[in-house]
Amino acid sequence: MKRILIAGAALAAFAVSPAIAEPPAAPKCLHSINIKNTTVPNDRTILFQMNNGTVWRNDLRNSCPDLKFYGFIYVATPPDDICGDVQSIRVIHTGAVCLLGPFSLESMPAEHH
């Protein structure tokens, strides 16, 4: 009986390990009030830097001509969200309309790693 208790205690010690923080699930929508700025690295990608340091990536459904050069505007959907897979953006000056894809995590603030 004593051996079983010792073996059980040893297994319990190995089973308890520090929790590894998992990245947050990608949101369907971002609250526009929490968006610090955006970056457009190419005509198909928009990076949304949040006030808390998290960066969400959105890969547009299709290439959006001149997006990187001119930038974009959007109208937030109630209650002031920008939503992946349903929201469209408009390229400034050309008027091209492009559809956002889903959001994915680009990076998190250092304290969350």
N, C-alpha and C. Protein backbone atom coordinates (compact mmCIF):
# COMPACT_ATOMS: atom_id res chain seq x y z
N MET A 1 0.82 -1.19 0.00
CA MET A 1 0.00 0.00 0.00
C MET A 1 0.86 1.25 0.00
N LYS A 2 1.98 1.19 0.74
CA LYS A 2 2.86 2.35 0.82
C LYS A 2 3.47 2.67 -0.54
N ARG A 3 3.84 1.65 -1.31
CA ARG A 3 4.42 1.86 -2.63
C ARG A 3 3.43 2.56 -3.57
N ILE A 4 2.18 2.18 -3.50
CA ILE A 4 1.16 2.79 -4.36
C ILE A 4 1.01 4.27 -4.05
N LEU A 5 1.02 4.63 -2.77
CA LEU A 5 0.90 6.04 -2.39
C LEU A 5 2.10 6.84 -2.87
N ILE A 6 3.29 6.28 -2.74
CA ILE A 6 4.50 6.98 -3.19
C ILE A 6 4.46 7.15 -4.71
N ALA A 7 4.08 6.11 -5.43
CA ALA A 7 3.99 6.19 -6.89
C ALA A 7 2.93 7.20 -7.30
N GLY A 8 1.80 7.20 -6.59
CA GLY A 8 0.74 8.16 -6.90
C GLY A 8 1.19 9.59 -6.66
N ALA A 9 1.93 9.83 -5.59
CA ALA A 9 2.43 11.18 -5.29
C ALA A 9 3.43 11.62 -6.36
N ALA A 10 4.27 10.72 -6.81
CA ALA A 10 5.24 11.05 -7.85
C ALA A 10 4.54 11.41 -9.15
N LEU A 11 3.52 10.65 -9.51
CA LEU A 11 2.76 10.96 -10.72
C LEU A 11 2.06 12.30 -10.61
N ALA A 12 1.50 12.59 -9.46
CA ALA A 12 0.82 13.87 -9.25
C ALA A 12 1.79 15.02 -9.38
N ALA A 13 3.01 14.86 -8.90
CA ALA A 13 4.01 15.93 -9.00
C ALA A 13 4.35 16.23 -10.45
N PHE A 14 4.44 15.18 -11.28
CA PHE A 14 4.73 15.39 -12.69
C PHE A 14 3.54 15.95 -13.45
N ALA A 15 2.34 15.60 -13.03
CA ALA A 15 1.13 16.05 -13.73
C ALA A 15 0.88 17.54 -13.50
N VAL A 16 1.34 18.08 -12.40
CA VAL A 16 1.13 19.51 -12.11
C VAL A 16 2.30 20.27 -12.68
N SER A 17 2.07 20.97 -13.74
CA SER A 17 3.13 21.78 -14.35
C SER A 17 2.59 23.18 -14.57
N PRO A 18 3.48 24.13 -14.67
CA PRO A 18 3.01 25.50 -14.86
C PRO A 18 2.18 25.60 -16.14
N ALA A 19 1.11 26.34 -16.06
CA ALA A 19 0.24 26.52 -17.22
C ALA A 19 0.95 27.38 -18.25
N ILE A 20 0.90 26.94 -19.47
CA ILE A 20 1.48 27.71 -20.57
C ILE A 20 0.35 28.53 -21.18
N ALA A 21 0.55 29.83 -21.21
CA ALA A 21 -0.50 30.71 -21.74
C ALA A 21 -0.68 30.45 -23.22
N GLU A 22 -1.91 30.18 -23.59
CA GLU A 22 -2.22 29.98 -25.00
C GLU A 22 -2.63 31.31 -25.60
N PRO A 23 -2.32 31.51 -26.87
CA PRO A 23 -2.73 32.76 -27.49
C PRO A 23 -4.24 32.89 -27.51
N PRO A 24 -4.73 34.11 -27.47
CA PRO A 24 -6.18 34.29 -27.48
C PRO A 24 -6.78 33.84 -28.81
N ALA A 25 -8.01 33.38 -28.76
CA ALA A 25 -8.70 32.99 -29.99
C ALA A 25 -8.91 34.22 -30.85
N ALA A 26 -8.81 34.05 -32.13
CA ALA A 26 -9.00 35.17 -33.05
C ALA A 26 -10.43 35.68 -32.95
N PRO A 27 -10.57 36.98 -32.82
CA PRO A 27 -11.92 37.53 -32.72
C PRO A 27 -12.60 37.60 -34.08
N LYS A 28 -13.89 37.57 -34.07
CA LYS A 28 -14.65 37.80 -35.30
C LYS A 28 -14.63 39.29 -35.63
N CYS A 29 -14.70 40.12 -34.56
CA CYS A 29 -14.73 41.57 -34.73
C CYS A 29 -13.74 42.23 -33.77
N LEU A 30 -13.23 43.38 -34.17
CA LEU A 30 -12.39 44.21 -33.31
C LEU A 30 -13.18 45.46 -32.95
N HIS A 31 -13.11 45.88 -31.70
CA HIS A 31 -13.77 47.12 -31.29
C HIS A 31 -12.91 48.28 -31.79
N SER A 32 -13.48 49.11 -32.64
CA SER A 32 -12.69 50.17 -33.27
C SER A 32 -12.07 51.13 -32.26
N ILE A 33 -12.70 51.30 -31.11
CA ILE A 33 -12.14 52.18 -30.08
C ILE A 33 -10.82 51.64 -29.53
N ASN A 34 -10.59 50.32 -29.66
CA ASN A 34 -9.37 49.69 -29.15
C ASN A 34 -8.25 49.61 -30.19
N ILE A 35 -8.52 50.06 -31.42
CA ILE A 35 -7.50 50.02 -32.47
C ILE A 35 -6.63 51.26 -32.36
N LYS A 36 -5.33 51.03 -32.13
CA LYS A 36 -4.38 52.15 -31.99
C LYS A 36 -3.98 52.68 -33.36
N ASN A 37 -3.63 51.77 -34.26
CA ASN A 37 -3.30 52.16 -35.64
C ASN A 37 -3.33 50.93 -36.54
N THR A 38 -3.21 51.18 -37.82
CA THR A 38 -3.17 50.09 -38.79
C THR A 38 -1.94 50.26 -39.67
N THR A 39 -1.46 49.14 -40.18
CA THR A 39 -0.33 49.11 -41.10
C THR A 39 -0.74 48.25 -42.28
N VAL A 40 -0.36 48.66 -43.47
CA VAL A 40 -0.68 47.90 -44.68
C VAL A 40 0.63 47.47 -45.33
N PRO A 41 1.12 46.25 -45.04
CA PRO A 41 2.39 45.82 -45.61
C PRO A 41 2.33 45.47 -47.10
N ASN A 42 1.12 45.14 -47.60
CA ASN A 42 0.96 44.83 -49.03
C ASN A 42 -0.51 45.00 -49.38
N ASP A 43 -0.87 44.75 -50.62
CA ASP A 43 -2.24 44.98 -51.08
C ASP A 43 -3.22 43.88 -50.68
N ARG A 44 -2.80 43.00 -49.81
CA ARG A 44 -3.71 41.94 -49.36
C ARG A 44 -3.74 41.79 -47.84
N THR A 45 -2.95 42.56 -47.11
CA THR A 45 -2.81 42.38 -45.67
C THR A 45 -2.96 43.70 -44.93
N ILE A 46 -3.73 43.67 -43.84
CA ILE A 46 -3.83 44.82 -42.94
C ILE A 46 -3.51 44.33 -41.54
N LEU A 47 -2.62 45.05 -40.85
CA LEU A 47 -2.28 44.74 -39.47
C LEU A 47 -2.95 45.78 -38.58
N PHE A 48 -3.71 45.30 -37.60
CA PHE A 48 -4.41 46.17 -36.66
C PHE A 48 -3.69 46.11 -35.32
N GLN A 49 -2.99 47.19 -34.96
CA GLN A 49 -2.33 47.24 -33.66
C GLN A 49 -3.33 47.78 -32.65
N MET A 50 -3.51 47.02 -31.59
CA MET A 50 -4.48 47.38 -30.57
C MET A 50 -3.82 48.20 -29.47
N ASN A 51 -4.62 48.91 -28.70
CA ASN A 51 -4.11 49.72 -27.60
C ASN A 51 -3.32 48.90 -26.58
N ASN A 52 -3.65 47.62 -26.43
CA ASN A 52 -2.94 46.77 -25.46
C ASN A 52 -1.67 46.15 -26.02
N GLY A 53 -1.31 46.47 -27.26
CA GLY A 53 -0.09 45.96 -27.88
C GLY A 53 -0.29 44.75 -28.77
N THR A 54 -1.42 44.09 -28.68
CA THR A 54 -1.72 42.94 -29.53
C THR A 54 -1.87 43.43 -30.98
N VAL A 55 -1.38 42.63 -31.91
CA VAL A 55 -1.51 42.94 -33.33
C VAL A 55 -2.30 41.82 -34.00
N TRP A 56 -3.43 42.19 -34.60
CA TRP A 56 -4.26 41.23 -35.34
C TRP A 56 -4.05 41.44 -36.82
N ARG A 57 -3.86 40.35 -37.53
CA ARG A 57 -3.63 40.37 -38.98
C ARG A 57 -4.93 40.03 -39.69
N ASN A 58 -5.19 40.73 -40.78
CA ASN A 58 -6.32 40.37 -41.61
C ASN A 58 -5.82 40.20 -43.03
N ASP A 59 -6.00 39.00 -43.56
CA ASP A 59 -5.67 38.72 -44.96
C ASP A 59 -6.96 38.86 -45.75
N LEU A 60 -7.00 39.87 -46.61
CA LEU A 60 -8.19 40.16 -47.39
C LEU A 60 -8.55 38.97 -48.27
N ARG A 61 -9.81 38.89 -48.65
CA ARG A 61 -10.29 37.79 -49.51
C ARG A 61 -9.57 37.77 -50.85
N ASN A 62 -9.26 38.94 -51.38
CA ASN A 62 -8.55 39.07 -52.65
C ASN A 62 -7.57 40.22 -52.53
N SER A 63 -6.65 40.29 -53.48
CA SER A 63 -5.75 41.43 -53.52
C SER A 63 -6.57 42.70 -53.74
N CYS A 64 -6.18 43.77 -53.08
CA CYS A 64 -6.91 45.03 -53.15
C CYS A 64 -5.98 46.07 -53.78
N PRO A 65 -6.09 46.29 -55.09
CA PRO A 65 -5.17 47.17 -55.80
C PRO A 65 -5.02 48.54 -55.15
N ASP A 66 -3.76 48.97 -55.02
CA ASP A 66 -3.38 50.28 -54.49
C ASP A 66 -3.64 50.46 -53.00
N LEU A 67 -4.00 49.41 -52.29
CA LEU A 67 -4.26 49.50 -50.85
C LEU A 67 -3.03 49.99 -50.11
N LYS A 68 -1.87 49.41 -50.40
CA LYS A 68 -0.65 49.79 -49.70
C LYS A 68 -0.28 51.24 -50.00
N PHE A 69 -0.50 51.68 -51.20
CA PHE A 69 -0.11 53.04 -51.59
C PHE A 69 -1.05 54.10 -51.04
N TYR A 70 -2.36 53.88 -51.13
CA TYR A 70 -3.34 54.90 -50.76
C TYR A 70 -3.95 54.73 -49.36
N GLY A 71 -3.94 53.52 -48.82
CA GLY A 71 -4.60 53.31 -47.54
C GLY A 71 -6.09 53.06 -47.73
N PHE A 72 -6.84 53.01 -46.64
CA PHE A 72 -8.24 52.63 -46.74
C PHE A 72 -9.09 53.36 -45.71
N ILE A 73 -10.38 53.29 -45.92
CA ILE A 73 -11.37 53.77 -44.96
C ILE A 73 -12.40 52.66 -44.80
N TYR A 74 -13.12 52.71 -43.70
CA TYR A 74 -14.20 51.76 -43.48
C TYR A 74 -15.24 52.42 -42.61
N VAL A 75 -16.42 51.87 -42.64
CA VAL A 75 -17.49 52.31 -41.76
C VAL A 75 -17.69 51.20 -40.75
N ALA A 76 -17.49 51.52 -39.48
CA ALA A 76 -17.64 50.52 -38.42
C ALA A 76 -19.10 50.07 -38.34
N THR A 77 -19.29 48.79 -38.09
CA THR A 77 -20.65 48.27 -37.92
C THR A 77 -21.04 48.43 -36.46
N PRO A 78 -22.30 48.61 -36.19
CA PRO A 78 -22.72 48.77 -34.79
C PRO A 78 -22.33 47.54 -33.98
N PRO A 79 -21.88 47.67 -32.79
CA PRO A 79 -21.58 48.89 -32.04
C PRO A 79 -20.11 49.29 -32.20
N ASP A 80 -19.77 49.89 -33.29
CA ASP A 80 -18.42 50.39 -33.58
C ASP A 80 -17.37 49.30 -33.67
N ASP A 81 -17.69 48.25 -34.41
CA ASP A 81 -16.77 47.13 -34.62
C ASP A 81 -16.32 47.10 -36.07
N ILE A 82 -15.18 46.45 -36.29
CA ILE A 82 -14.76 46.10 -37.64
C ILE A 82 -14.67 44.57 -37.64
N CYS A 83 -15.42 43.94 -38.53
CA CYS A 83 -15.61 42.49 -38.47
C CYS A 83 -15.00 41.78 -39.67
N GLY A 84 -14.26 40.72 -39.38
CA GLY A 84 -13.69 39.88 -40.44
C GLY A 84 -14.77 39.07 -41.13
N ASP A 85 -14.53 38.77 -42.38
CA ASP A 85 -15.41 37.95 -43.22
C ASP A 85 -16.72 38.62 -43.62
N VAL A 86 -17.04 39.78 -43.08
CA VAL A 86 -18.28 40.46 -43.48
C VAL A 86 -18.07 41.93 -43.83
N GLN A 87 -16.99 42.51 -43.35
CA GLN A 87 -16.75 43.95 -43.51
C GLN A 87 -16.01 44.23 -44.82
N SER A 88 -16.39 45.33 -45.43
CA SER A 88 -15.64 45.77 -46.60
C SER A 88 -14.88 47.04 -46.26
N ILE A 89 -13.82 47.28 -47.00
CA ILE A 89 -13.05 48.50 -46.87
C ILE A 89 -13.03 49.17 -48.24
N ARG A 90 -12.74 50.46 -48.26
CA ARG A 90 -12.67 51.20 -49.53
C ARG A 90 -11.29 51.85 -49.62
N VAL A 91 -10.60 51.62 -50.73
CA VAL A 91 -9.28 52.22 -50.95
C VAL A 91 -9.48 53.72 -51.22
N ILE A 92 -8.72 54.52 -50.49
CA ILE A 92 -8.78 55.98 -50.66
C ILE A 92 -8.29 56.33 -52.07
N HIS A 93 -8.90 57.25 -52.71
CA HIS A 93 -8.61 57.78 -54.05
C HIS A 93 -9.12 56.90 -55.18
N THR A 94 -8.97 55.58 -55.09
CA THR A 94 -9.42 54.74 -56.20
C THR A 94 -10.86 54.27 -56.01
N GLY A 95 -11.29 54.18 -54.77
CA GLY A 95 -12.65 53.72 -54.49
C GLY A 95 -12.83 52.22 -54.58
N ALA A 96 -11.75 51.47 -54.81
CA ALA A 96 -11.85 50.00 -54.87
C ALA A 96 -12.41 49.48 -53.54
N VAL A 97 -13.35 48.55 -53.62
CA VAL A 97 -13.96 47.97 -52.43
C VAL A 97 -13.44 46.54 -52.29
N CYS A 98 -12.96 46.21 -51.09
CA CYS A 98 -12.39 44.89 -50.84
C CYS A 98 -12.97 44.32 -49.55
N LEU A 99 -13.08 43.01 -49.48
CA LEU A 99 -13.68 42.32 -48.33
C LEU A 99 -12.60 41.79 -47.40
N LEU A 100 -12.76 42.08 -46.09
CA LEU A 100 -11.84 41.53 -45.10
C LEU A 100 -12.01 40.03 -45.00
N GLY A 101 -10.94 39.35 -44.65
CA GLY A 101 -10.98 37.93 -44.34
C GLY A 101 -11.03 37.78 -42.83
N PRO A 102 -10.72 36.59 -42.32
CA PRO A 102 -10.72 36.39 -40.87
C PRO A 102 -9.49 37.03 -40.23
N PHE A 103 -9.59 37.32 -38.94
CA PHE A 103 -8.46 37.84 -38.19
C PHE A 103 -7.61 36.69 -37.67
N SER A 104 -6.30 36.91 -37.59
CA SER A 104 -5.39 35.95 -36.97
C SER A 104 -4.39 36.74 -36.14
N LEU A 105 -3.83 36.10 -35.13
CA LEU A 105 -2.90 36.76 -34.23
C LEU A 105 -1.56 36.94 -34.91
N GLU A 106 -1.11 38.17 -35.02
CA GLU A 106 0.20 38.48 -35.58
C GLU A 106 1.24 38.51 -34.46
N SER A 107 0.95 39.21 -33.37
CA SER A 107 1.84 39.23 -32.21
C SER A 107 1.10 39.72 -30.98
N MET A 108 1.66 39.39 -29.84
CA MET A 108 1.06 39.79 -28.57
C MET A 108 2.07 40.65 -27.80
N PRO A 109 1.59 41.45 -26.85
CA PRO A 109 2.51 42.22 -26.02
C PRO A 109 3.46 41.27 -25.27
N ALA A 110 4.65 41.74 -24.96
CA ALA A 110 5.68 40.92 -24.32
C ALA A 110 5.21 40.28 -23.03
N GLU A 111 4.39 40.96 -22.23
CA GLU A 111 3.98 40.39 -20.95
C GLU A 111 3.04 39.21 -21.10
N HIS A 112 2.51 38.96 -22.30
CA HIS A 112 1.63 37.82 -22.50
C HIS A 112 2.35 36.60 -23.05
N HIS A 113 3.62 36.73 -23.41
CA HIS A 113 4.35 35.59 -23.99
C HIS A 113 4.70 34.59 -22.95
